[in-house]
Each structure stands twice: as C-alpha cells, then as structure tokens.
C-alpha cells in the first residue's frame, strides 16, 4: 500500500480516473482494461494504479484509479472506454489522500477483502510498469524508509522532512 501511495504522490500531474460498467468476471475485465490502457498509451504517456470495486447497490462493478502522464481529453478517454461513463479530475493539492483512499480499498472485513481479491484477480491493487516512475517497489520502500525523496525531473533523491509537509504552516 505504501508503494501505491508513493507512486501517486511524486510531483507529477496526477489525476483520478473512475471507469463504470467494468465486466463482472476477472478474465473479461482484465482483457478490457489491458486494451483500454494500450489505447490510452497510443494517445500519450499513461501510467496508472487501479482496483475494481463492486457497485454499492450490487449492480455491477466500477474501477478507481490514480494515473499520471500526458493530458488526454476526457472525450477521448470516454471514447476509448467504449462510450461508457467516466469520471476524471486532476488532483491538485492532496494527491496522497486520494491515493490512500484507492490503496485502502482493501481495508474491509475479511469477507469483503476476499471479494475484493476475487474481482481483482487475486491482487489488492494493480500498477502499470511505469507507475512508480522507473523505480521498483523495493526501491520505493527503501526510499520511504530512508526519509529521502526521489525527484522525478532530475532522477535524484534529497533529504526531506515528511512530518513538516503535513504540519500546519504556522508550526513549521
């Protein structure tokens, strides 16, 4: 979960993207989502972390994701998703909070967790290869534990006080 949160918190253009009418069975859902991601990458850079959830009223499934990459117009995204409803918005100020919401989608009771794993092919969350900005999950965990931050623009780390970023400005 910490790795997923980190991927959406690095200083890049981060968007949340929700897709509706995701197929109910995992093989069909996986096929459609792979095809959707491939078509998105034909339009520009597109990396994402996502998880499928059941609709609250038991009427099917939808997908929550955090993505980064090139700007792609919402009309194009809807067309690539087969005309189904989408919701996309740029996460301007608190990418970490939304990413945490997505990553904590498995924080259910054990019955709900098993259902979540079942509709997601046995994984809590899925990530495209570039979602972690070229780093491996192991490298990200090491950075998180070291108190250093990776800067995408120049590909280096720097010391950072993570606590200072969440303290109110008058306390810093």
N, C-alpha and C. Protein backbone atom coordinates (compact mmCIF):
# COMPACT_ATOMS: atom_id res chain seq x y z
N UNK A 1 0.83 -1.18 0.00
CA UNK A 1 0.00 0.00 0.00
C UNK A 1 0.88 1.25 0.00
N UNK A 2 1.97 1.25 0.76
CA UNK A 2 2.85 2.43 0.81
C UNK A 2 3.43 2.72 -0.57
N UNK A 3 3.73 1.68 -1.33
CA UNK A 3 4.30 1.85 -2.67
C UNK A 3 3.28 2.54 -3.58
N UNK A 4 2.03 2.12 -3.52
CA UNK A 4 0.98 2.71 -4.35
C UNK A 4 0.79 4.18 -4.00
N UNK A 5 0.78 4.49 -2.72
CA UNK A 5 0.64 5.87 -2.28
C UNK A 5 1.79 6.71 -2.80
N UNK A 6 3.01 6.18 -2.72
CA UNK A 6 4.19 6.92 -3.18
C UNK A 6 4.09 7.23 -4.67
N UNK A 7 3.67 6.25 -5.47
CA UNK A 7 3.60 6.44 -6.92
C UNK A 7 2.70 7.59 -7.32
N UNK A 8 1.64 7.83 -6.56
CA UNK A 8 0.73 8.93 -6.86
C UNK A 8 1.09 10.23 -6.18
N UNK A 9 2.15 10.23 -5.37
CA UNK A 9 2.48 11.45 -4.64
C UNK A 9 3.72 12.17 -5.17
N UNK A 10 4.46 11.53 -6.07
CA UNK A 10 5.63 12.17 -6.66
C UNK A 10 5.15 13.36 -7.48
N UNK A 11 5.91 14.43 -7.49
CA UNK A 11 5.48 15.69 -8.09
C UNK A 11 5.27 15.57 -9.60
N UNK A 12 4.13 15.07 -10.01
CA UNK A 12 3.77 14.99 -11.42
C UNK A 12 2.31 15.37 -11.54
N UNK A 13 1.80 15.50 -12.75
CA UNK A 13 0.38 15.76 -12.96
C UNK A 13 -0.36 14.46 -12.62
N UNK A 14 -1.08 14.48 -11.53
CA UNK A 14 -1.79 13.29 -11.05
C UNK A 14 -3.28 13.50 -11.24
N UNK A 15 -3.95 12.47 -11.75
CA UNK A 15 -5.39 12.53 -11.95
C UNK A 15 -6.03 11.30 -11.35
N UNK A 16 -7.25 11.47 -10.88
CA UNK A 16 -8.03 10.29 -10.50
C UNK A 16 -8.98 10.02 -11.65
N UNK A 17 -9.12 8.76 -11.97
CA UNK A 17 -9.96 8.33 -13.08
C UNK A 17 -10.81 7.16 -12.61
N UNK A 18 -12.11 7.32 -12.74
CA UNK A 18 -13.04 6.24 -12.40
C UNK A 18 -13.72 5.79 -13.69
N UNK A 19 -13.83 4.49 -13.86
CA UNK A 19 -14.48 3.90 -15.03
C UNK A 19 -15.69 3.09 -14.57
N UNK A 20 -16.80 3.22 -15.29
CA UNK A 20 -18.01 2.48 -14.94
C UNK A 20 -18.18 1.26 -15.85
N UNK A 21 -19.12 0.44 -15.48
CA UNK A 21 -19.50 -0.74 -16.27
C UNK A 21 -18.32 -1.66 -16.58
N UNK A 22 -17.52 -1.91 -15.57
CA UNK A 22 -16.42 -2.86 -15.70
C UNK A 22 -17.03 -4.26 -15.69
N UNK A 23 -16.60 -5.16 -16.56
CA UNK A 23 -17.17 -6.51 -16.59
C UNK A 23 -17.08 -7.20 -15.22
N UNK A 24 -18.05 -8.04 -14.94
CA UNK A 24 -18.13 -8.72 -13.64
C UNK A 24 -17.10 -9.83 -13.47
N UNK A 25 -16.69 -10.48 -14.55
CA UNK A 25 -15.74 -11.60 -14.42
C UNK A 25 -14.32 -11.10 -14.69
N UNK A 26 -13.36 -11.58 -13.88
CA UNK A 26 -11.99 -11.11 -13.95
C UNK A 26 -11.35 -11.27 -15.32
N UNK A 27 -11.43 -12.42 -15.99
CA UNK A 27 -10.74 -12.52 -17.29
C UNK A 27 -11.23 -11.48 -18.31
N UNK A 28 -12.53 -11.25 -18.36
CA UNK A 28 -13.09 -10.28 -19.29
C UNK A 28 -12.69 -8.86 -18.88
N UNK A 29 -12.74 -8.56 -17.58
CA UNK A 29 -12.35 -7.24 -17.08
C UNK A 29 -10.87 -6.97 -17.40
N UNK A 30 -10.02 -7.94 -17.11
CA UNK A 30 -8.59 -7.77 -17.37
C UNK A 30 -8.32 -7.50 -18.85
N UNK A 31 -8.99 -8.24 -19.71
CA UNK A 31 -8.81 -8.04 -21.15
C UNK A 31 -9.22 -6.62 -21.57
N UNK A 32 -10.37 -6.17 -21.09
CA UNK A 32 -10.82 -4.82 -21.45
C UNK A 32 -9.90 -3.74 -20.90
N UNK A 33 -9.42 -3.92 -19.67
CA UNK A 33 -8.56 -2.91 -19.06
C UNK A 33 -7.18 -2.86 -19.72
N UNK A 34 -6.65 -4.00 -20.09
CA UNK A 34 -5.37 -4.02 -20.83
C UNK A 34 -5.52 -3.31 -22.17
N UNK A 35 -6.65 -3.59 -22.86
CA UNK A 35 -6.89 -2.97 -24.15
C UNK A 35 -7.08 -1.46 -23.99
N UNK A 36 -7.81 -1.05 -22.95
CA UNK A 36 -8.01 0.37 -22.68
C UNK A 36 -6.67 1.06 -22.42
N UNK A 37 -5.82 0.48 -21.58
CA UNK A 37 -4.51 1.08 -21.27
C UNK A 37 -3.64 1.15 -22.53
N UNK A 38 -3.68 0.13 -23.35
CA UNK A 38 -2.90 0.15 -24.60
C UNK A 38 -3.36 1.29 -25.50
N UNK A 39 -4.68 1.47 -25.65
CA UNK A 39 -5.21 2.55 -26.48
C UNK A 39 -4.88 3.92 -25.88
N UNK A 40 -4.90 4.02 -24.54
CA UNK A 40 -4.53 5.29 -23.89
C UNK A 40 -3.06 5.62 -24.20
N UNK A 41 -2.19 4.62 -24.17
CA UNK A 41 -0.77 4.86 -24.43
C UNK A 41 -0.51 5.25 -25.89
N UNK A 42 -1.43 4.89 -26.77
CA UNK A 42 -1.30 5.34 -28.16
C UNK A 42 -1.54 6.84 -28.27
N UNK A 43 -2.26 7.41 -27.31
CA UNK A 43 -2.57 8.85 -27.29
C UNK A 43 -1.53 9.67 -26.53
N UNK A 44 -0.72 9.02 -25.70
CA UNK A 44 0.29 9.73 -24.91
C UNK A 44 0.76 8.86 -23.77
N UNK A 45 1.63 9.43 -22.93
CA UNK A 45 2.13 8.71 -21.76
C UNK A 45 0.98 8.48 -20.80
N UNK A 46 0.84 7.25 -20.30
CA UNK A 46 -0.25 6.91 -19.40
C UNK A 46 0.21 5.80 -18.47
N UNK A 47 0.27 6.10 -17.18
CA UNK A 47 0.62 5.12 -16.16
C UNK A 47 -0.44 5.19 -15.08
N UNK A 48 -0.77 4.03 -14.49
CA UNK A 48 -1.85 4.04 -13.50
C UNK A 48 -1.75 2.93 -12.49
N UNK A 49 -2.43 3.16 -11.37
CA UNK A 49 -2.66 2.14 -10.35
C UNK A 49 -4.17 2.08 -10.18
N UNK A 50 -4.72 0.87 -10.13
CA UNK A 50 -6.17 0.75 -10.12
C UNK A 50 -6.65 -0.47 -9.35
N UNK A 51 -7.93 -0.40 -8.99
CA UNK A 51 -8.61 -1.53 -8.35
C UNK A 51 -10.08 -1.48 -8.73
N UNK A 52 -10.66 -2.65 -8.90
CA UNK A 52 -12.08 -2.78 -9.23
C UNK A 52 -12.86 -2.94 -7.93
N UNK A 53 -14.02 -2.31 -7.87
CA UNK A 53 -14.90 -2.43 -6.71
C UNK A 53 -16.31 -2.74 -7.18
N UNK A 54 -17.08 -3.46 -6.36
CA UNK A 54 -18.50 -3.66 -6.71
C UNK A 54 -19.27 -2.36 -6.49
N UNK A 55 -20.30 -2.15 -7.29
CA UNK A 55 -21.18 -1.00 -7.07
C UNK A 55 -21.92 -1.19 -5.76
N UNK A 56 -22.19 -0.11 -5.04
CA UNK A 56 -22.83 -0.24 -3.72
C UNK A 56 -24.17 -0.97 -3.73
N UNK A 57 -24.93 -0.82 -4.81
CA UNK A 57 -26.24 -1.47 -4.87
C UNK A 57 -26.19 -2.85 -5.51
N UNK A 58 -24.99 -3.37 -5.72
CA UNK A 58 -24.84 -4.70 -6.29
C UNK A 58 -25.22 -4.78 -7.76
N UNK A 59 -25.07 -3.66 -8.48
CA UNK A 59 -25.47 -3.60 -9.88
C UNK A 59 -24.31 -3.74 -10.86
N UNK A 60 -23.21 -4.30 -10.43
CA UNK A 60 -22.05 -4.46 -11.30
C UNK A 60 -20.79 -3.96 -10.62
N UNK A 61 -19.82 -3.54 -11.43
CA UNK A 61 -18.52 -3.12 -10.89
C UNK A 61 -18.06 -1.82 -11.54
N UNK A 62 -17.19 -1.12 -10.84
CA UNK A 62 -16.55 0.09 -11.36
C UNK A 62 -15.08 0.05 -10.95
N UNK A 63 -14.31 0.97 -11.49
CA UNK A 63 -12.87 0.99 -11.24
C UNK A 63 -12.47 2.36 -10.72
N UNK A 64 -11.62 2.37 -9.69
CA UNK A 64 -10.99 3.59 -9.19
C UNK A 64 -9.51 3.52 -9.55
N UNK A 65 -8.97 4.63 -10.01
CA UNK A 65 -7.55 4.64 -10.34
C UNK A 65 -6.93 5.99 -10.06
N UNK A 66 -5.62 5.97 -9.95
CA UNK A 66 -4.79 7.17 -9.90
C UNK A 66 -3.86 7.03 -11.08
N UNK A 67 -3.78 8.07 -11.91
CA UNK A 67 -2.94 7.96 -13.10
C UNK A 67 -2.10 9.23 -13.26
N UNK A 68 -1.03 9.09 -14.00
CA UNK A 68 -0.20 10.24 -14.35
C UNK A 68 0.32 10.05 -15.76
N UNK A 69 0.69 11.15 -16.37
CA UNK A 69 1.18 11.12 -17.74
C UNK A 69 0.67 12.33 -18.50
N UNK A 70 0.65 12.22 -19.83
CA UNK A 70 0.22 13.31 -20.68
C UNK A 70 -1.27 13.61 -20.52
N UNK A 71 -1.65 14.85 -20.81
CA UNK A 71 -3.06 15.22 -20.79
C UNK A 71 -3.75 14.54 -21.96
N UNK A 72 -4.87 13.89 -21.68
CA UNK A 72 -5.72 13.29 -22.71
C UNK A 72 -7.13 13.77 -22.41
N UNK A 73 -7.78 14.38 -23.39
CA UNK A 73 -9.11 14.96 -23.21
C UNK A 73 -10.11 13.90 -22.74
N UNK A 74 -11.02 14.30 -21.86
CA UNK A 74 -11.99 13.36 -21.29
C UNK A 74 -12.86 12.73 -22.36
N UNK A 75 -13.15 13.46 -23.45
CA UNK A 75 -13.99 12.90 -24.52
C UNK A 75 -13.27 11.75 -25.22
N UNK A 76 -11.95 11.89 -25.36
CA UNK A 76 -11.15 10.82 -25.96
C UNK A 76 -11.13 9.62 -25.02
N UNK A 77 -10.94 9.88 -23.72
CA UNK A 77 -10.91 8.78 -22.75
C UNK A 77 -12.25 8.03 -22.76
N UNK A 78 -13.36 8.77 -22.78
CA UNK A 78 -14.67 8.12 -22.81
C UNK A 78 -14.83 7.28 -24.08
N UNK A 79 -14.37 7.80 -25.20
CA UNK A 79 -14.43 7.03 -26.44
C UNK A 79 -13.59 5.76 -26.34
N UNK A 80 -12.40 5.87 -25.76
CA UNK A 80 -11.53 4.70 -25.60
C UNK A 80 -12.11 3.68 -24.63
N UNK A 81 -12.97 4.13 -23.72
CA UNK A 81 -13.64 3.23 -22.78
C UNK A 81 -14.97 2.75 -23.34
N UNK A 82 -15.17 2.91 -24.63
CA UNK A 82 -16.35 2.38 -25.30
C UNK A 82 -17.61 3.20 -25.09
N UNK A 83 -17.46 4.48 -24.80
CA UNK A 83 -18.62 5.35 -24.62
C UNK A 83 -19.27 5.24 -23.25
N UNK A 84 -18.71 4.39 -22.39
CA UNK A 84 -19.25 4.26 -21.04
C UNK A 84 -18.88 5.48 -20.20
N UNK A 85 -19.57 5.66 -19.08
CA UNK A 85 -19.32 6.83 -18.23
C UNK A 85 -17.95 6.74 -17.56
N UNK A 86 -17.31 7.88 -17.49
CA UNK A 86 -16.03 8.01 -16.79
C UNK A 86 -16.11 9.22 -15.88
N UNK A 87 -15.21 9.29 -14.92
CA UNK A 87 -15.04 10.49 -14.11
C UNK A 87 -13.54 10.70 -14.00
N UNK A 88 -13.10 11.88 -14.41
CA UNK A 88 -11.67 12.19 -14.33
C UNK A 88 -11.51 13.60 -13.79
N UNK A 89 -10.56 13.76 -12.91
CA UNK A 89 -10.23 15.10 -12.42
C UNK A 89 -8.79 15.13 -11.97
N UNK A 90 -8.19 16.29 -12.16
CA UNK A 90 -6.82 16.47 -11.72
C UNK A 90 -6.80 16.60 -10.20
N UNK A 91 -5.84 15.94 -9.59
CA UNK A 91 -5.67 16.03 -8.15
C UNK A 91 -4.64 17.13 -7.94
N UNK A 92 -5.10 18.27 -7.50
CA UNK A 92 -4.23 19.44 -7.42
C UNK A 92 -3.46 19.53 -6.11
N UNK A 93 -4.14 19.36 -4.99
CA UNK A 93 -3.47 19.66 -3.74
C UNK A 93 -3.17 18.45 -2.87
N UNK A 94 -3.99 17.43 -2.93
CA UNK A 94 -3.78 16.33 -2.00
C UNK A 94 -3.82 14.99 -2.71
N UNK A 95 -2.84 14.77 -3.60
CA UNK A 95 -2.77 13.51 -4.32
C UNK A 95 -2.64 12.35 -3.35
N UNK A 96 -1.93 12.56 -2.25
CA UNK A 96 -1.68 11.47 -1.32
C UNK A 96 -2.99 10.97 -0.71
N UNK A 97 -3.90 11.88 -0.35
CA UNK A 97 -5.15 11.46 0.28
C UNK A 97 -5.99 10.59 -0.65
N UNK A 98 -6.10 10.99 -1.93
CA UNK A 98 -6.90 10.18 -2.84
C UNK A 98 -6.20 8.84 -3.12
N UNK A 99 -4.89 8.88 -3.26
CA UNK A 99 -4.16 7.63 -3.49
C UNK A 99 -4.33 6.69 -2.31
N UNK A 100 -4.32 7.25 -1.09
CA UNK A 100 -4.55 6.42 0.09
C UNK A 100 -5.94 5.80 0.05
N UNK A 101 -6.94 6.57 -0.38
CA UNK A 101 -8.30 6.03 -0.48
C UNK A 101 -8.32 4.83 -1.42
N UNK A 102 -7.68 4.99 -2.57
CA UNK A 102 -7.64 3.88 -3.53
C UNK A 102 -6.87 2.69 -2.96
N UNK A 103 -5.74 2.97 -2.34
CA UNK A 103 -4.91 1.89 -1.81
C UNK A 103 -5.57 1.19 -0.64
N UNK A 104 -6.40 1.92 0.12
CA UNK A 104 -7.06 1.33 1.27
C UNK A 104 -8.37 0.65 0.89
N UNK A 105 -8.62 0.52 -0.40
CA UNK A 105 -9.85 -0.11 -0.85
C UNK A 105 -9.97 -1.54 -0.33
N UNK A 106 -8.87 -2.12 0.10
CA UNK A 106 -8.90 -3.48 0.61
C UNK A 106 -9.01 -3.51 2.13
N UNK A 107 -9.24 -2.39 2.76
CA UNK A 107 -9.33 -2.35 4.21
C UNK A 107 -10.70 -2.74 4.73
N UNK A 108 -11.28 -3.75 4.17
CA UNK A 108 -12.59 -4.22 4.55
C UNK A 108 -12.46 -5.32 5.61
N UNK A 109 -13.61 -5.87 6.01
CA UNK A 109 -13.56 -7.07 6.84
C UNK A 109 -13.09 -8.23 5.94
N UNK A 110 -12.81 -9.38 6.53
CA UNK A 110 -12.19 -10.46 5.76
C UNK A 110 -13.08 -10.94 4.61
N UNK A 111 -14.40 -10.94 4.78
CA UNK A 111 -15.29 -11.37 3.69
C UNK A 111 -15.17 -10.38 2.53
N UNK A 112 -15.21 -9.09 2.84
CA UNK A 112 -15.10 -8.09 1.79
C UNK A 112 -13.72 -8.13 1.13
N UNK A 113 -12.68 -8.37 1.90
CA UNK A 113 -11.34 -8.45 1.35
C UNK A 113 -11.24 -9.61 0.36
N UNK A 114 -11.83 -10.74 0.70
CA UNK A 114 -11.81 -11.89 -0.22
C UNK A 114 -12.57 -11.56 -1.51
N UNK A 115 -13.70 -10.88 -1.38
CA UNK A 115 -14.46 -10.47 -2.58
C UNK A 115 -13.65 -9.51 -3.42
N UNK A 116 -12.95 -8.57 -2.76
CA UNK A 116 -12.12 -7.61 -3.47
C UNK A 116 -11.02 -8.34 -4.25
N UNK A 117 -10.35 -9.28 -3.61
CA UNK A 117 -9.29 -10.03 -4.28
C UNK A 117 -9.85 -10.84 -5.44
N UNK A 118 -11.05 -11.37 -5.27
CA UNK A 118 -11.66 -12.17 -6.33
C UNK A 118 -11.94 -11.33 -7.58
N UNK A 119 -12.50 -10.13 -7.41
CA UNK A 119 -12.81 -9.30 -8.59
C UNK A 119 -11.58 -8.64 -9.17
N UNK A 120 -10.45 -8.69 -8.44
CA UNK A 120 -9.20 -8.09 -8.92
C UNK A 120 -8.14 -9.13 -9.26
N UNK A 121 -8.55 -10.34 -9.52
CA UNK A 121 -7.60 -11.36 -9.95
C UNK A 121 -6.57 -11.72 -8.90
N UNK A 122 -6.94 -11.61 -7.61
CA UNK A 122 -6.04 -12.00 -6.54
C UNK A 122 -5.09 -10.92 -6.05
N UNK A 123 -5.20 -9.72 -6.59
CA UNK A 123 -4.32 -8.62 -6.18
C UNK A 123 -5.14 -7.53 -5.48
N UNK A 124 -4.49 -6.87 -4.54
CA UNK A 124 -5.15 -5.76 -3.85
C UNK A 124 -5.25 -4.54 -4.78
N UNK A 125 -4.19 -4.30 -5.52
CA UNK A 125 -4.13 -3.16 -6.44
C UNK A 125 -3.23 -3.54 -7.61
N UNK A 126 -3.52 -2.98 -8.77
CA UNK A 126 -2.72 -3.21 -9.97
C UNK A 126 -1.99 -1.93 -10.33
N UNK A 127 -0.76 -2.05 -10.83
CA UNK A 127 0.02 -0.88 -11.26
C UNK A 127 0.65 -1.17 -12.60
N UNK A 128 0.63 -0.17 -13.48
CA UNK A 128 1.36 -0.31 -14.73
C UNK A 128 2.85 -0.22 -14.43
N UNK A 129 3.66 -0.68 -15.36
CA UNK A 129 5.11 -0.75 -15.12
C UNK A 129 5.73 0.61 -14.82
N UNK A 130 5.24 1.67 -15.44
CA UNK A 130 5.82 2.99 -15.24
C UNK A 130 5.19 3.80 -14.13
N UNK A 131 4.22 3.23 -13.42
CA UNK A 131 3.53 3.99 -12.38
C UNK A 131 4.49 4.49 -11.30
N UNK A 132 5.51 3.72 -11.00
CA UNK A 132 6.48 4.10 -9.96
C UNK A 132 7.66 4.89 -10.53
N UNK A 133 7.46 5.50 -11.70
CA UNK A 133 8.43 6.42 -12.30
C UNK A 133 9.78 5.76 -12.55
N UNK A 134 9.77 4.49 -12.97
CA UNK A 134 11.01 3.79 -13.31
C UNK A 134 11.68 3.09 -12.15
N UNK A 135 11.12 3.21 -10.96
CA UNK A 135 11.71 2.52 -9.81
C UNK A 135 10.95 1.22 -9.55
N UNK A 136 11.58 0.32 -8.84
CA UNK A 136 10.92 -0.91 -8.42
C UNK A 136 10.25 -0.67 -7.07
N UNK A 137 9.32 -1.54 -6.71
CA UNK A 137 8.65 -1.43 -5.41
C UNK A 137 9.68 -1.49 -4.28
N UNK A 138 10.68 -2.32 -4.44
CA UNK A 138 11.72 -2.45 -3.42
C UNK A 138 12.49 -1.14 -3.25
N UNK A 139 12.81 -0.47 -4.36
CA UNK A 139 13.50 0.81 -4.30
C UNK A 139 12.63 1.88 -3.63
N UNK A 140 11.34 1.87 -3.94
CA UNK A 140 10.42 2.85 -3.33
C UNK A 140 10.34 2.63 -1.83
N UNK A 141 10.21 1.38 -1.40
CA UNK A 141 10.15 1.10 0.03
C UNK A 141 11.43 1.54 0.74
N UNK A 142 12.56 1.36 0.07
CA UNK A 142 13.84 1.80 0.65
C UNK A 142 13.87 3.33 0.79
N UNK A 143 13.38 4.04 -0.23
CA UNK A 143 13.31 5.50 -0.16
C UNK A 143 12.40 5.96 0.97
N UNK A 144 11.24 5.33 1.09
CA UNK A 144 10.29 5.70 2.14
C UNK A 144 10.93 5.50 3.51
N UNK A 145 11.62 4.39 3.69
CA UNK A 145 12.25 4.10 4.97
C UNK A 145 13.45 4.99 5.26
N UNK A 146 14.07 5.56 4.23
CA UNK A 146 15.29 6.36 4.43
C UNK A 146 15.01 7.82 4.75
N UNK A 147 13.75 8.25 4.57
CA UNK A 147 13.45 9.66 4.79
C UNK A 147 13.97 10.54 3.67
N UNK A 148 14.15 9.95 2.49
CA UNK A 148 14.61 10.72 1.33
C UNK A 148 13.49 10.75 0.30
N UNK A 149 13.55 11.72 -0.59
CA UNK A 149 12.53 11.87 -1.63
C UNK A 149 13.20 11.78 -2.99
N UNK A 150 12.55 11.10 -3.91
CA UNK A 150 13.05 10.98 -5.28
C UNK A 150 12.45 12.11 -6.09
N UNK A 151 13.26 12.85 -6.81
CA UNK A 151 12.79 13.96 -7.63
C UNK A 151 12.78 13.51 -9.08
N UNK A 152 11.59 13.37 -9.66
CA UNK A 152 11.44 12.83 -10.99
C UNK A 152 12.18 13.63 -12.06
N UNK A 153 12.12 14.95 -11.95
CA UNK A 153 12.69 15.79 -13.01
C UNK A 153 14.18 15.52 -13.22
N UNK A 154 14.92 15.26 -12.14
CA UNK A 154 16.36 15.04 -12.28
C UNK A 154 16.79 13.65 -11.84
N UNK A 155 15.82 12.84 -11.37
CA UNK A 155 16.11 11.46 -11.03
C UNK A 155 17.05 11.27 -9.86
N UNK A 156 17.03 12.18 -8.90
CA UNK A 156 17.89 12.06 -7.73
C UNK A 156 17.05 12.10 -6.46
N UNK A 157 17.68 11.73 -5.36
CA UNK A 157 16.99 11.82 -4.08
C UNK A 157 17.51 13.01 -3.30
N UNK A 158 16.70 13.49 -2.37
CA UNK A 158 17.12 14.55 -1.47
C UNK A 158 16.50 14.26 -0.12
N UNK A 159 17.13 14.78 0.94
CA UNK A 159 16.56 14.62 2.28
C UNK A 159 15.28 15.42 2.38
N UNK A 160 14.32 14.89 3.09
CA UNK A 160 13.05 15.58 3.25
C UNK A 160 12.48 15.25 4.62
N UNK A 161 11.85 16.23 5.22
CA UNK A 161 11.17 16.04 6.50
C UNK A 161 9.69 15.81 6.18
N UNK A 162 9.28 14.53 6.09
CA UNK A 162 7.90 14.22 5.74
C UNK A 162 6.92 14.81 6.74
N UNK A 163 7.30 14.87 8.01
CA UNK A 163 6.41 15.41 9.03
C UNK A 163 6.14 16.89 8.79
N UNK A 164 7.12 17.63 8.29
CA UNK A 164 6.94 19.06 8.03
C UNK A 164 5.91 19.30 6.93
N UNK A 165 5.79 18.35 6.00
CA UNK A 165 4.84 18.53 4.91
C UNK A 165 3.39 18.40 5.37
N UNK A 166 3.15 17.76 6.48
CA UNK A 166 1.78 17.57 6.94
C UNK A 166 1.45 18.46 8.14
N UNK A 167 2.44 19.14 8.71
CA UNK A 167 2.18 20.05 9.83
C UNK A 167 1.55 21.33 9.30
N UNK A 168 0.67 21.96 10.07
CA UNK A 168 0.13 23.27 9.66
C UNK A 168 1.27 24.26 9.45
N UNK A 169 1.10 25.18 8.50
CA UNK A 169 2.17 26.11 8.10
C UNK A 169 2.67 26.95 9.28
N UNK A 170 1.80 27.29 10.23
CA UNK A 170 2.23 28.13 11.33
C UNK A 170 3.12 27.39 12.33
N UNK A 171 3.18 26.04 12.23
CA UNK A 171 4.03 25.26 13.12
C UNK A 171 5.39 24.96 12.52
N UNK A 172 5.54 25.14 11.22
CA UNK A 172 6.80 24.79 10.55
C UNK A 172 7.82 25.87 10.76
